[in-house]
Amino acid sequence: MLTIVRGVSNILTKIAFSTPRTAASYHTTCKLPCAHTEQSTADTNEADSEELSAAQQKLIKNDRSKAIPVETSIRYLNSEAYKTTYGTRFVWEEYRRNHKGLFAPKKTRKTCIRQGAISTGNPCPICRDEYLILDHRNLELIKQFISPHTGEVLSYSKTGLCQKKHLELLVAFERAKDYGLIAFDVPFREYDYSEYYSKQ
């Protein structure tokens, strides 16, 4: 008797796993799909589409693969959107670094953007705003990072720029000086001209 029961159970399991089943066949109360099940699937599809749209919005917000021209950045610095975002303050003035422990590391992170997207939750002041482009022609942005006392570029420990953007800032600053767009003081040197002329 035991062998017959085992044989029947084996046959039933083969039939159960061999025949394809649809979602309607699992519904035990009625053979046709009910309105309740259709409504629940529609609600889940809408929720999934909303989640996808939120994820897509996050990807679009963090995307930095699109190249923005310098002219657009110069117009942005004179626009109302820039004034409402930053007001009269510098772009780095309200920025605070995230770090473990009481004391910040000596160097900032290497870069905030990896593979064309923001890879950190707290990007540096330049990386977080896609319309801030470091270029020798964008003087209004470069002047925000120049010390009024020394005329040199401020340290990344003060501005919070990542290492990549700080290097771009140094290059843009040197190019602006080479093109004569930024005035800078040359140190005065005193020469002893008696060394150059013969005594007569």
N, C-alpha and C. Protein backbone atom coordinates (compact mmCIF):
# COMPACT_ATOMS: atom_id res chain seq x y z
N MET A 1 0.83 -1.21 0.00
CA MET A 1 0.00 0.00 0.00
C MET A 1 0.87 1.26 0.00
N LEU A 2 1.99 1.19 0.73
CA LEU A 2 2.89 2.33 0.80
C LEU A 2 3.50 2.64 -0.55
N THR A 3 3.85 1.61 -1.29
CA THR A 3 4.46 1.82 -2.61
C THR A 3 3.48 2.46 -3.58
N ILE A 4 2.18 2.11 -3.46
CA ILE A 4 1.17 2.70 -4.34
C ILE A 4 1.02 4.19 -4.04
N VAL A 5 0.98 4.56 -2.76
CA VAL A 5 0.85 5.97 -2.37
C VAL A 5 2.05 6.78 -2.86
N ARG A 6 3.26 6.18 -2.70
CA ARG A 6 4.46 6.87 -3.17
C ARG A 6 4.42 7.04 -4.69
N GLY A 7 3.97 6.02 -5.41
CA GLY A 7 3.89 6.12 -6.86
C GLY A 7 2.90 7.17 -7.31
N VAL A 8 1.76 7.23 -6.64
CA VAL A 8 0.75 8.24 -6.98
C VAL A 8 1.27 9.65 -6.69
N SER A 9 1.94 9.81 -5.54
CA SER A 9 2.47 11.14 -5.21
C SER A 9 3.55 11.57 -6.19
N ASN A 10 4.38 10.61 -6.66
CA ASN A 10 5.40 10.95 -7.66
C ASN A 10 4.77 11.38 -8.97
N ILE A 11 3.71 10.70 -9.37
CA ILE A 11 3.02 11.04 -10.63
C ILE A 11 2.39 12.43 -10.51
N LEU A 12 1.76 12.68 -9.37
CA LEU A 12 1.12 13.99 -9.17
C LEU A 12 2.14 15.14 -9.18
N THR A 13 3.30 14.92 -8.56
CA THR A 13 4.33 15.97 -8.58
C THR A 13 4.87 16.20 -9.98
N LYS A 14 5.02 15.12 -10.76
CA LYS A 14 5.46 15.30 -12.15
C LYS A 14 4.46 16.10 -12.95
N ILE A 15 3.18 15.80 -12.77
CA ILE A 15 2.14 16.53 -13.49
C ILE A 15 2.11 17.99 -13.06
N ALA A 16 2.26 18.20 -11.75
CA ALA A 16 2.19 19.57 -11.23
C ALA A 16 3.30 20.44 -11.75
N PHE A 17 4.53 19.90 -11.85
CA PHE A 17 5.66 20.71 -12.29
C PHE A 17 5.87 20.70 -13.79
N SER A 18 5.23 19.80 -14.50
CA SER A 18 5.42 19.74 -15.95
C SER A 18 4.45 20.65 -16.68
N THR A 19 3.21 20.81 -16.18
CA THR A 19 2.22 21.64 -16.88
C THR A 19 2.44 23.10 -16.55
N PRO A 20 2.44 23.98 -17.57
CA PRO A 20 2.61 25.41 -17.30
C PRO A 20 1.36 25.99 -16.65
N ARG A 21 1.55 26.90 -15.69
CA ARG A 21 0.43 27.50 -14.99
C ARG A 21 0.44 29.01 -15.22
N THR A 22 -0.72 29.55 -15.33
CA THR A 22 -0.85 31.00 -15.47
C THR A 22 -1.25 31.60 -14.13
N ALA A 23 -1.29 32.93 -14.11
CA ALA A 23 -1.66 33.61 -12.86
C ALA A 23 -3.11 33.36 -12.51
N ALA A 24 -3.96 33.16 -13.55
CA ALA A 24 -5.39 32.93 -13.30
C ALA A 24 -5.63 31.56 -12.70
N SER A 25 -4.80 30.54 -13.05
CA SER A 25 -5.02 29.19 -12.54
C SER A 25 -4.69 29.08 -11.06
N TYR A 26 -3.84 29.99 -10.54
CA TYR A 26 -3.52 29.96 -9.11
C TYR A 26 -4.64 30.54 -8.26
N HIS A 27 -5.52 31.33 -8.86
CA HIS A 27 -6.62 31.94 -8.13
C HIS A 27 -7.66 30.86 -7.85
N THR A 28 -7.92 30.57 -6.59
CA THR A 28 -8.77 29.43 -6.24
C THR A 28 -10.24 29.77 -6.17
N THR A 29 -10.59 31.04 -5.99
CA THR A 29 -12.00 31.37 -5.79
C THR A 29 -12.78 31.35 -7.09
N CYS A 30 -12.16 31.74 -8.21
CA CYS A 30 -12.87 31.72 -9.48
C CYS A 30 -11.89 31.40 -10.60
N LYS A 31 -12.35 30.84 -11.64
CA LYS A 31 -11.49 30.45 -12.75
C LYS A 31 -11.08 31.67 -13.57
N LEU A 32 -11.99 32.61 -13.75
CA LEU A 32 -11.66 33.82 -14.51
C LEU A 32 -10.96 34.81 -13.59
N PRO A 33 -10.06 35.65 -14.14
CA PRO A 33 -9.39 36.65 -13.30
C PRO A 33 -10.38 37.65 -12.75
N CYS A 34 -10.34 37.88 -11.45
CA CYS A 34 -11.29 38.77 -10.78
C CYS A 34 -10.87 40.23 -10.96
N ALA A 35 -11.81 41.12 -10.73
CA ALA A 35 -11.53 42.56 -10.82
C ALA A 35 -10.59 42.99 -9.71
N HIS A 36 -10.68 42.32 -8.55
CA HIS A 36 -9.82 42.67 -7.41
C HIS A 36 -8.35 42.42 -7.75
N THR A 37 -8.07 41.28 -8.37
CA THR A 37 -6.68 40.97 -8.72
C THR A 37 -6.17 41.91 -9.80
N GLU A 38 -7.03 42.27 -10.77
CA GLU A 38 -6.60 43.20 -11.82
C GLU A 38 -6.29 44.57 -11.24
N GLN A 39 -7.13 45.01 -10.28
CA GLN A 39 -6.91 46.32 -9.67
C GLN A 39 -5.62 46.34 -8.86
N SER A 40 -5.34 45.25 -8.14
CA SER A 40 -4.11 45.21 -7.34
C SER A 40 -2.87 45.20 -8.23
N THR A 41 -2.93 44.47 -9.36
CA THR A 41 -1.79 44.47 -10.27
C THR A 41 -1.61 45.85 -10.90
N ALA A 42 -2.71 46.55 -11.20
CA ALA A 42 -2.60 47.90 -11.76
C ALA A 42 -1.97 48.85 -10.75
N ASP A 43 -2.36 48.71 -9.47
CA ASP A 43 -1.78 49.57 -8.43
C ASP A 43 -0.28 49.32 -8.29
N THR A 44 0.13 48.04 -8.32
CA THR A 44 1.56 47.74 -8.20
C THR A 44 2.33 48.26 -9.40
N ASN A 45 1.74 48.18 -10.60
CA ASN A 45 2.41 48.71 -11.80
C ASN A 45 2.59 50.22 -11.71
N GLU A 46 1.54 50.93 -11.19
CA GLU A 46 1.67 52.39 -11.03
C GLU A 46 2.74 52.74 -10.01
N ALA A 47 2.77 51.98 -8.91
CA ALA A 47 3.79 52.24 -7.88
C ALA A 47 5.19 51.99 -8.44
N ASP A 48 5.33 50.90 -9.24
CA ASP A 48 6.63 50.62 -9.85
C ASP A 48 7.05 51.74 -10.80
N SER A 49 6.08 52.24 -11.59
CA SER A 49 6.41 53.32 -12.52
C SER A 49 6.80 54.59 -11.77
N GLU A 50 6.14 54.87 -10.61
CA GLU A 50 6.52 56.04 -9.82
C GLU A 50 7.92 55.87 -9.24
N GLU A 51 8.23 54.65 -8.77
CA GLU A 51 9.57 54.41 -8.24
C GLU A 51 10.62 54.55 -9.33
N LEU A 52 10.31 54.04 -10.51
CA LEU A 52 11.25 54.17 -11.62
C LEU A 52 11.47 55.63 -11.98
N SER A 53 10.38 56.39 -11.98
CA SER A 53 10.53 57.80 -12.33
C SER A 53 11.38 58.53 -11.28
N ALA A 54 11.22 58.19 -10.01
CA ALA A 54 12.04 58.81 -8.97
C ALA A 54 13.50 58.41 -9.13
N ALA A 55 13.73 57.14 -9.46
CA ALA A 55 15.11 56.69 -9.68
C ALA A 55 15.71 57.37 -10.91
N GLN A 56 14.89 57.53 -11.95
CA GLN A 56 15.38 58.20 -13.15
C GLN A 56 15.67 59.67 -12.86
N GLN A 57 14.83 60.29 -12.04
CA GLN A 57 15.08 61.69 -11.67
C GLN A 57 16.39 61.83 -10.90
N LYS A 58 16.67 60.86 -10.02
CA LYS A 58 17.91 60.89 -9.27
C LYS A 58 19.11 60.72 -10.20
N LEU A 59 18.97 59.81 -11.19
CA LEU A 59 20.06 59.62 -12.15
C LEU A 59 20.28 60.88 -12.98
N ILE A 60 19.20 61.53 -13.38
CA ILE A 60 19.32 62.76 -14.17
C ILE A 60 19.97 63.86 -13.33
N LYS A 61 19.61 63.93 -12.04
CA LYS A 61 20.17 64.95 -11.15
C LYS A 61 21.66 64.74 -10.94
N ASN A 62 22.10 63.48 -10.84
CA ASN A 62 23.50 63.19 -10.58
C ASN A 62 24.33 63.04 -11.85
N ASP A 63 23.70 63.13 -13.01
CA ASP A 63 24.43 62.94 -14.26
C ASP A 63 25.29 64.15 -14.56
N ARG A 64 26.57 63.91 -14.83
CA ARG A 64 27.50 64.98 -15.19
C ARG A 64 28.23 64.67 -16.49
N SER A 65 27.65 63.81 -17.31
CA SER A 65 28.29 63.44 -18.57
C SER A 65 28.07 64.49 -19.65
N LYS A 66 27.05 65.34 -19.48
CA LYS A 66 26.75 66.36 -20.48
C LYS A 66 27.72 67.53 -20.33
N ALA A 67 28.36 67.90 -21.42
CA ALA A 67 29.32 69.01 -21.40
C ALA A 67 28.56 70.34 -21.55
N ILE A 68 28.77 71.23 -20.61
CA ILE A 68 28.10 72.54 -20.62
C ILE A 68 29.13 73.59 -21.03
N PRO A 69 28.82 74.42 -22.03
CA PRO A 69 29.80 75.41 -22.49
C PRO A 69 30.05 76.49 -21.45
N VAL A 70 31.20 77.15 -21.58
CA VAL A 70 31.59 78.18 -20.62
C VAL A 70 30.68 79.39 -20.71
N GLU A 71 30.18 79.69 -21.90
CA GLU A 71 29.30 80.84 -22.07
C GLU A 71 28.03 80.68 -21.24
N THR A 72 27.52 79.44 -21.17
CA THR A 72 26.33 79.18 -20.35
C THR A 72 26.63 79.41 -18.88
N SER A 73 27.82 79.01 -18.44
CA SER A 73 28.21 79.22 -17.04
C SER A 73 28.35 80.70 -16.72
N ILE A 74 28.89 81.47 -17.66
CA ILE A 74 29.04 82.92 -17.43
C ILE A 74 27.67 83.59 -17.33
N ARG A 75 26.73 83.16 -18.19
CA ARG A 75 25.36 83.70 -18.11
C ARG A 75 24.68 83.26 -16.82
N TYR A 76 24.99 82.06 -16.36
CA TYR A 76 24.38 81.55 -15.12
C TYR A 76 24.81 82.37 -13.91
N LEU A 77 26.06 82.80 -13.89
CA LEU A 77 26.55 83.60 -12.76
C LEU A 77 25.87 84.97 -12.68
N ASN A 78 25.30 85.44 -13.79
CA ASN A 78 24.60 86.73 -13.79
C ASN A 78 23.08 86.57 -13.76
N SER A 79 22.59 85.34 -13.58
CA SER A 79 21.16 85.08 -13.66
C SER A 79 20.50 85.19 -12.29
N GLU A 80 19.16 85.19 -12.31
CA GLU A 80 18.40 85.23 -11.07
C GLU A 80 18.48 83.90 -10.32
N ALA A 81 18.63 82.81 -11.04
CA ALA A 81 18.73 81.50 -10.40
C ALA A 81 19.97 81.41 -9.51
N TYR A 82 21.06 81.98 -9.98
CA TYR A 82 22.29 81.99 -9.17
C TYR A 82 22.11 82.87 -7.94
N LYS A 83 21.44 84.00 -8.11
CA LYS A 83 21.26 84.92 -6.98
C LYS A 83 20.35 84.32 -5.91
N THR A 84 19.31 83.60 -6.34
CA THR A 84 18.44 82.97 -5.35
C THR A 84 19.11 81.79 -4.66
N THR A 85 20.04 81.12 -5.35
CA THR A 85 20.72 79.97 -4.75
C THR A 85 21.81 80.40 -3.79
N TYR A 86 22.67 81.33 -4.21
CA TYR A 86 23.83 81.70 -3.41
C TYR A 86 23.73 83.09 -2.80
N GLY A 87 22.91 83.96 -3.36
CA GLY A 87 22.82 85.32 -2.86
C GLY A 87 24.09 86.10 -3.16
N THR A 88 24.60 86.81 -2.14
CA THR A 88 25.84 87.57 -2.30
C THR A 88 27.05 86.79 -1.79
N ARG A 89 26.86 85.56 -1.33
CA ARG A 89 27.95 84.75 -0.78
C ARG A 89 28.71 84.05 -1.89
N PHE A 90 29.92 83.61 -1.59
CA PHE A 90 30.70 82.80 -2.52
C PHE A 90 30.10 81.40 -2.58
N VAL A 91 30.44 80.68 -3.65
CA VAL A 91 29.85 79.35 -3.83
C VAL A 91 30.38 78.35 -2.80
N TRP A 92 31.55 78.61 -2.24
CA TRP A 92 32.14 77.68 -1.28
C TRP A 92 31.89 78.08 0.17
N GLU A 93 31.26 79.23 0.38
CA GLU A 93 31.17 79.79 1.73
C GLU A 93 30.28 78.95 2.65
N GLU A 94 29.16 78.45 2.16
CA GLU A 94 28.23 77.69 2.99
C GLU A 94 28.51 76.19 2.98
N TYR A 95 29.54 75.76 2.26
CA TYR A 95 29.82 74.33 2.14
C TYR A 95 30.54 73.81 3.38
N ARG A 96 30.14 72.61 3.84
CA ARG A 96 30.79 71.95 4.96
C ARG A 96 31.14 70.53 4.56
N ARG A 97 32.34 70.12 4.88
CA ARG A 97 32.80 68.78 4.52
C ARG A 97 32.25 67.75 5.50
N ASN A 98 31.99 66.55 4.98
CA ASN A 98 31.63 65.41 5.82
C ASN A 98 32.87 64.57 6.05
N HIS A 99 33.15 64.26 7.29
CA HIS A 99 34.32 63.43 7.59
C HIS A 99 34.11 62.74 8.92
N LYS A 100 34.82 61.65 9.10
CA LYS A 100 34.74 60.91 10.36
C LYS A 100 35.59 61.61 11.42
N GLY A 101 35.13 61.51 12.65
CA GLY A 101 35.92 62.01 13.75
C GLY A 101 35.85 63.51 13.93
N LEU A 102 36.67 63.99 14.82
CA LEU A 102 36.66 65.40 15.19
C LEU A 102 37.41 66.26 14.19
N PHE A 103 38.53 65.75 13.66
CA PHE A 103 39.38 66.54 12.78
C PHE A 103 39.25 66.05 11.34
N ALA A 104 39.21 67.00 10.42
CA ALA A 104 39.08 66.66 8.99
C ALA A 104 40.41 66.15 8.46
N PRO A 105 40.39 65.27 7.44
CA PRO A 105 41.65 64.85 6.81
C PRO A 105 42.35 66.04 6.16
N LYS A 106 43.67 65.91 5.99
CA LYS A 106 44.44 67.02 5.41
C LYS A 106 44.02 67.30 3.97
N LYS A 107 43.79 66.24 3.21
CA LYS A 107 43.41 66.40 1.81
C LYS A 107 41.93 66.09 1.63
N THR A 108 41.31 66.76 0.68
CA THR A 108 39.94 66.44 0.32
C THR A 108 39.94 65.21 -0.59
N ARG A 109 38.75 64.74 -0.97
CA ARG A 109 38.67 63.54 -1.81
C ARG A 109 39.25 63.81 -3.19
N LYS A 110 39.62 62.73 -3.89
CA LYS A 110 40.27 62.88 -5.20
C LYS A 110 39.32 63.49 -6.22
N THR A 111 38.12 62.97 -6.28
CA THR A 111 37.13 63.50 -7.22
C THR A 111 35.74 63.17 -6.72
N CYS A 112 34.77 63.97 -7.11
CA CYS A 112 33.37 63.72 -6.74
C CYS A 112 32.61 63.02 -7.85
N ILE A 113 33.15 63.05 -9.07
CA ILE A 113 32.45 62.51 -10.23
C ILE A 113 33.23 61.32 -10.76
N ARG A 114 32.55 60.17 -10.83
CA ARG A 114 33.15 58.96 -11.37
C ARG A 114 32.20 58.36 -12.40
N GLN A 115 32.73 58.04 -13.57
CA GLN A 115 31.97 57.44 -14.67
C GLN A 115 30.78 58.31 -15.07
N GLY A 116 31.00 59.62 -15.07
CA GLY A 116 29.98 60.55 -15.56
C GLY A 116 28.84 60.83 -14.61
N ALA A 117 28.97 60.45 -13.33
CA ALA A 117 27.90 60.71 -12.36
C ALA A 117 28.52 61.03 -11.01
N ILE A 118 27.76 61.75 -10.18
CA ILE A 118 28.23 62.08 -8.83
C ILE A 118 28.25 60.79 -8.00
N SER A 119 29.39 60.51 -7.39
CA SER A 119 29.55 59.25 -6.67
C SER A 119 29.57 59.43 -5.16
N THR A 120 29.24 60.60 -4.68
CA THR A 120 29.26 60.86 -3.24
C THR A 120 28.01 61.62 -2.83
N GLY A 121 27.69 61.53 -1.57
CA GLY A 121 26.49 62.22 -1.08
C GLY A 121 26.70 63.69 -0.81
N ASN A 122 27.95 64.12 -0.68
CA ASN A 122 28.25 65.51 -0.38
C ASN A 122 29.34 66.01 -1.33
N PRO A 123 28.99 66.28 -2.59
CA PRO A 123 30.02 66.72 -3.54
C PRO A 123 30.52 68.13 -3.22
N CYS A 124 31.69 68.44 -3.76
CA CYS A 124 32.32 69.74 -3.49
C CYS A 124 31.53 70.88 -4.14
N PRO A 125 31.80 72.13 -3.79
CA PRO A 125 30.99 73.25 -4.29
C PRO A 125 30.91 73.37 -5.80
N ILE A 126 31.94 72.94 -6.53
CA ILE A 126 31.91 73.02 -7.99
C ILE A 126 31.18 71.83 -8.59
N CYS A 127 31.42 70.64 -8.04
CA CYS A 127 30.80 69.43 -8.60
C CYS A 127 29.30 69.36 -8.35
N ARG A 128 28.83 69.96 -7.27
CA ARG A 128 27.40 69.84 -6.95
C ARG A 128 26.54 70.70 -7.87
N ASP A 129 27.10 71.75 -8.44
CA ASP A 129 26.35 72.62 -9.36
C ASP A 129 26.92 72.43 -10.76
N GLU A 130 26.12 71.84 -11.64
CA GLU A 130 26.64 71.49 -12.96
C GLU A 130 26.91 72.69 -13.85
N TYR A 131 26.40 73.87 -13.48
CA TYR A 131 26.60 75.06 -14.31
C TYR A 131 27.80 75.89 -13.88
N LEU A 132 28.56 75.42 -12.92
CA LEU A 132 29.79 76.10 -12.52
C LEU A 132 30.95 75.44 -13.24
N ILE A 133 31.48 76.12 -14.26
CA ILE A 133 32.55 75.58 -15.09
C ILE A 133 33.81 76.40 -14.84
N LEU A 134 34.89 75.70 -14.50
CA LEU A 134 36.18 76.36 -14.27
C LEU A 134 36.89 76.55 -15.60
N ASP A 135 37.07 77.81 -15.99
CA ASP A 135 37.74 78.14 -17.24
C ASP A 135 38.38 79.52 -17.07
N HIS A 136 39.43 79.80 -17.85
CA HIS A 136 40.11 81.09 -17.71
C HIS A 136 39.24 82.26 -18.14
N ARG A 137 38.19 81.98 -18.92
CA ARG A 137 37.29 83.05 -19.34
C ARG A 137 36.21 83.35 -18.30
N ASN A 138 35.99 82.40 -17.39
CA ASN A 138 34.95 82.57 -16.36
C ASN A 138 35.57 83.27 -15.15
N LEU A 139 35.80 84.57 -15.29
CA LEU A 139 36.54 85.32 -14.28
C LEU A 139 35.76 85.50 -12.99
N GLU A 140 34.44 85.65 -13.08
CA GLU A 140 33.64 85.88 -11.88
C GLU A 140 33.71 84.68 -10.94
N LEU A 141 33.82 83.50 -11.49
CA LEU A 141 33.93 82.30 -10.66
C LEU A 141 35.34 82.14 -10.10
N ILE A 142 36.34 82.43 -10.91
CA ILE A 142 37.73 82.28 -10.45
C ILE A 142 38.04 83.27 -9.32
N LYS A 143 37.50 84.49 -9.42
CA LYS A 143 37.80 85.52 -8.42
C LYS A 143 37.23 85.17 -7.04
N GLN A 144 36.24 84.28 -7.00
CA GLN A 144 35.70 83.86 -5.72
C GLN A 144 36.68 82.99 -4.93
N PHE A 145 37.65 82.40 -5.63
CA PHE A 145 38.62 81.51 -5.00
C PHE A 145 39.99 82.15 -4.83
N ILE A 146 40.09 83.46 -5.04
CA ILE A 146 41.37 84.17 -4.91
C ILE A 146 41.36 84.93 -3.59
N SER A 147 42.47 84.81 -2.85
CA SER A 147 42.58 85.52 -1.57
C SER A 147 42.76 87.01 -1.82
N PRO A 148 42.00 87.87 -1.14
CA PRO A 148 42.16 89.32 -1.34
C PRO A 148 43.45 89.86 -0.74
N HIS A 149 44.09 89.12 0.14
CA HIS A 149 45.31 89.60 0.80
C HIS A 149 46.57 89.23 0.02
N THR A 150 46.63 88.01 -0.46
CA THR A 150 47.83 87.55 -1.16
C THR A 150 47.69 87.53 -2.67
N GLY A 151 46.46 87.48 -3.17
CA GLY A 151 46.26 87.38 -4.62
C GLY A 151 46.46 85.98 -5.16
N GLU A 152 46.60 84.99 -4.29
CA GLU A 152 46.80 83.61 -4.70
C GLU A 152 45.50 82.82 -4.50
N VAL A 153 45.47 81.62 -5.06
CA VAL A 153 44.30 80.76 -4.93
C VAL A 153 44.20 80.23 -3.50
N LEU A 154 42.99 80.24 -2.96
CA LEU A 154 42.77 79.73 -1.61
C LEU A 154 42.99 78.22 -1.56
N SER A 155 43.34 77.73 -0.40
CA SER A 155 43.62 76.31 -0.23
C SER A 155 42.32 75.49 -0.29
N TYR A 156 42.45 74.24 -0.71
CA TYR A 156 41.28 73.36 -0.76
C TYR A 156 40.77 73.01 0.62
N SER A 157 41.61 73.17 1.64
CA SER A 157 41.13 72.93 3.00
C SER A 157 40.14 74.01 3.45
N LYS A 158 40.22 75.19 2.83
CA LYS A 158 39.28 76.28 3.15
C LYS A 158 38.06 76.24 2.24
N THR A 159 38.28 76.01 0.94
CA THR A 159 37.17 76.03 0.00
C THR A 159 36.42 74.70 -0.07
N GLY A 160 37.08 73.58 0.27
CA GLY A 160 36.43 72.28 0.23
C GLY A 160 36.38 71.64 -1.14
N LEU A 161 37.11 72.17 -2.11
CA LEU A 161 37.12 71.58 -3.45
C LEU A 161 37.81 70.23 -3.44
N CYS A 162 37.34 69.33 -4.30
CA CYS A 162 38.04 68.06 -4.46
C CYS A 162 39.37 68.31 -5.20
N GLN A 163 40.25 67.33 -5.17
CA GLN A 163 41.59 67.51 -5.73
C GLN A 163 41.54 67.79 -7.24
N LYS A 164 40.63 67.13 -7.92
CA LYS A 164 40.53 67.31 -9.38
C LYS A 164 40.10 68.74 -9.72
N LYS A 165 39.07 69.24 -9.05
CA LYS A 165 38.58 70.60 -9.33
C LYS A 165 39.56 71.66 -8.86
N HIS A 166 40.30 71.37 -7.79
CA HIS A 166 41.31 72.34 -7.33
C HIS A 166 42.43 72.46 -8.36
N LEU A 167 42.81 71.34 -8.96
CA LEU A 167 43.82 71.39 -10.02
C LEU A 167 43.30 72.15 -11.24
N GLU A 168 42.04 71.94 -11.60
CA GLU A 168 41.44 72.70 -12.71
C GLU A 168 41.40 74.19 -12.38
N LEU A 169 41.14 74.52 -11.12
CA LEU A 169 41.13 75.92 -10.70
C LEU A 169 42.51 76.55 -10.83
N LEU A 170 43.56 75.83 -10.43
CA LEU A 170 44.92 76.34 -10.56
C LEU A 170 45.29 76.57 -12.02
N VAL A 171 44.90 75.64 -12.89
CA VAL A 171 45.20 75.78 -14.32
C VAL A 171 44.46 76.97 -14.90
N ALA A 172 43.18 77.13 -14.56
CA ALA A 172 42.40 78.26 -15.06
C ALA A 172 42.96 79.59 -14.56
N PHE A 173 43.42 79.62 -13.30
CA PHE A 173 44.00 80.84 -12.73
C PHE A 173 45.29 81.23 -13.44
N GLU A 174 46.16 80.26 -13.69
CA GLU A 174 47.43 80.54 -14.38
C GLU A 174 47.17 80.98 -15.83
N ARG A 175 46.20 80.34 -16.48
CA ARG A 175 45.88 80.74 -17.86
C ARG A 175 45.31 82.15 -17.90
N ALA A 176 44.47 82.50 -16.94
CA ALA A 176 43.91 83.85 -16.89
C ALA A 176 45.01 84.88 -16.68
N LYS A 177 46.00 84.55 -15.88
CA LYS A 177 47.14 85.48 -15.70
C LYS A 177 47.97 85.58 -16.98
N ASP A 178 48.15 84.45 -17.67
CA ASP A 178 48.92 84.48 -18.92
C ASP A 178 48.21 85.29 -20.00
N TYR A 179 46.88 85.21 -20.05
CA TYR A 179 46.12 85.96 -21.03
C TYR A 179 45.93 87.42 -20.63
N GLY A 180 46.33 87.79 -19.43
CA GLY A 180 46.19 89.17 -18.97
C GLY A 180 44.79 89.51 -18.52
N LEU A 181 43.99 88.52 -18.15
CA LEU A 181 42.62 88.77 -17.71
C LEU A 181 42.55 89.09 -16.22
N ILE A 182 43.55 88.64 -15.47
CA ILE A 182 43.61 88.91 -14.04
C ILE A 182 44.88 89.70 -13.75
N ALA A 183 44.73 90.83 -13.07
CA ALA A 183 45.89 91.64 -12.71
C ALA A 183 46.53 91.07 -11.44
N PHE A 184 47.83 91.06 -11.44
CA PHE A 184 48.56 90.56 -10.26
C PHE A 184 49.81 91.40 -10.08
N ASP A 185 50.30 91.46 -8.85
CA ASP A 185 51.45 92.28 -8.50
C ASP A 185 52.73 91.48 -8.69
N VAL A 186 53.71 92.13 -9.30
CA VAL A 186 55.04 91.54 -9.45
C VAL A 186 55.90 92.06 -8.31
N PRO A 187 56.60 91.20 -7.60
CA PRO A 187 57.42 91.68 -6.47
C PRO A 187 58.55 92.60 -6.94
N PHE A 188 58.75 93.68 -6.19
CA PHE A 188 59.79 94.65 -6.53
C PHE A 188 61.15 94.12 -6.09
N ARG A 189 62.10 94.19 -7.00
CA ARG A 189 63.45 93.72 -6.69
C ARG A 189 64.44 94.86 -6.80
N GLU A 190 65.30 94.98 -5.84
CA GLU A 190 66.35 95.99 -5.84
C GLU A 190 67.66 95.36 -6.31
N TYR A 191 68.31 96.04 -7.23
CA TYR A 191 69.55 95.52 -7.81
C TYR A 191 70.71 96.44 -7.44
N ASP A 192 71.84 95.85 -7.23
CA ASP A 192 73.08 96.61 -7.01
C ASP A 192 73.78 96.72 -8.35
N TYR A 193 73.57 97.86 -9.02
CA TYR A 193 74.08 98.03 -10.39
C TYR A 193 75.58 98.17 -10.45
N SER A 194 76.23 98.36 -9.33
CA SER A 194 77.69 98.45 -9.33
C SER A 194 78.32 97.13 -9.73
N GLU A 195 77.59 96.05 -9.57
CA GLU A 195 78.12 94.74 -9.96
C GLU A 195 78.13 94.57 -11.47
N TYR A 196 77.32 95.37 -12.17
CA TYR A 196 77.18 95.20 -13.60
C TYR A 196 78.05 96.17 -14.41
N TYR A 197 78.46 97.26 -13.79
CA TYR A 197 79.25 98.26 -14.50
C TYR A 197 80.68 98.27 -13.96
N SER A 198 81.62 98.52 -14.85
CA SER A 198 83.02 98.60 -14.41
C SER A 198 83.28 99.92 -13.69
N LYS A 199 84.16 99.91 -12.73
CA LYS A 199 84.47 101.10 -11.94
C LYS A 199 85.43 101.99 -12.73
N GLN A 200 84.98 103.17 -13.12
CA GLN A 200 85.81 104.11 -13.88
C GLN A 200 85.73 105.50 -13.29
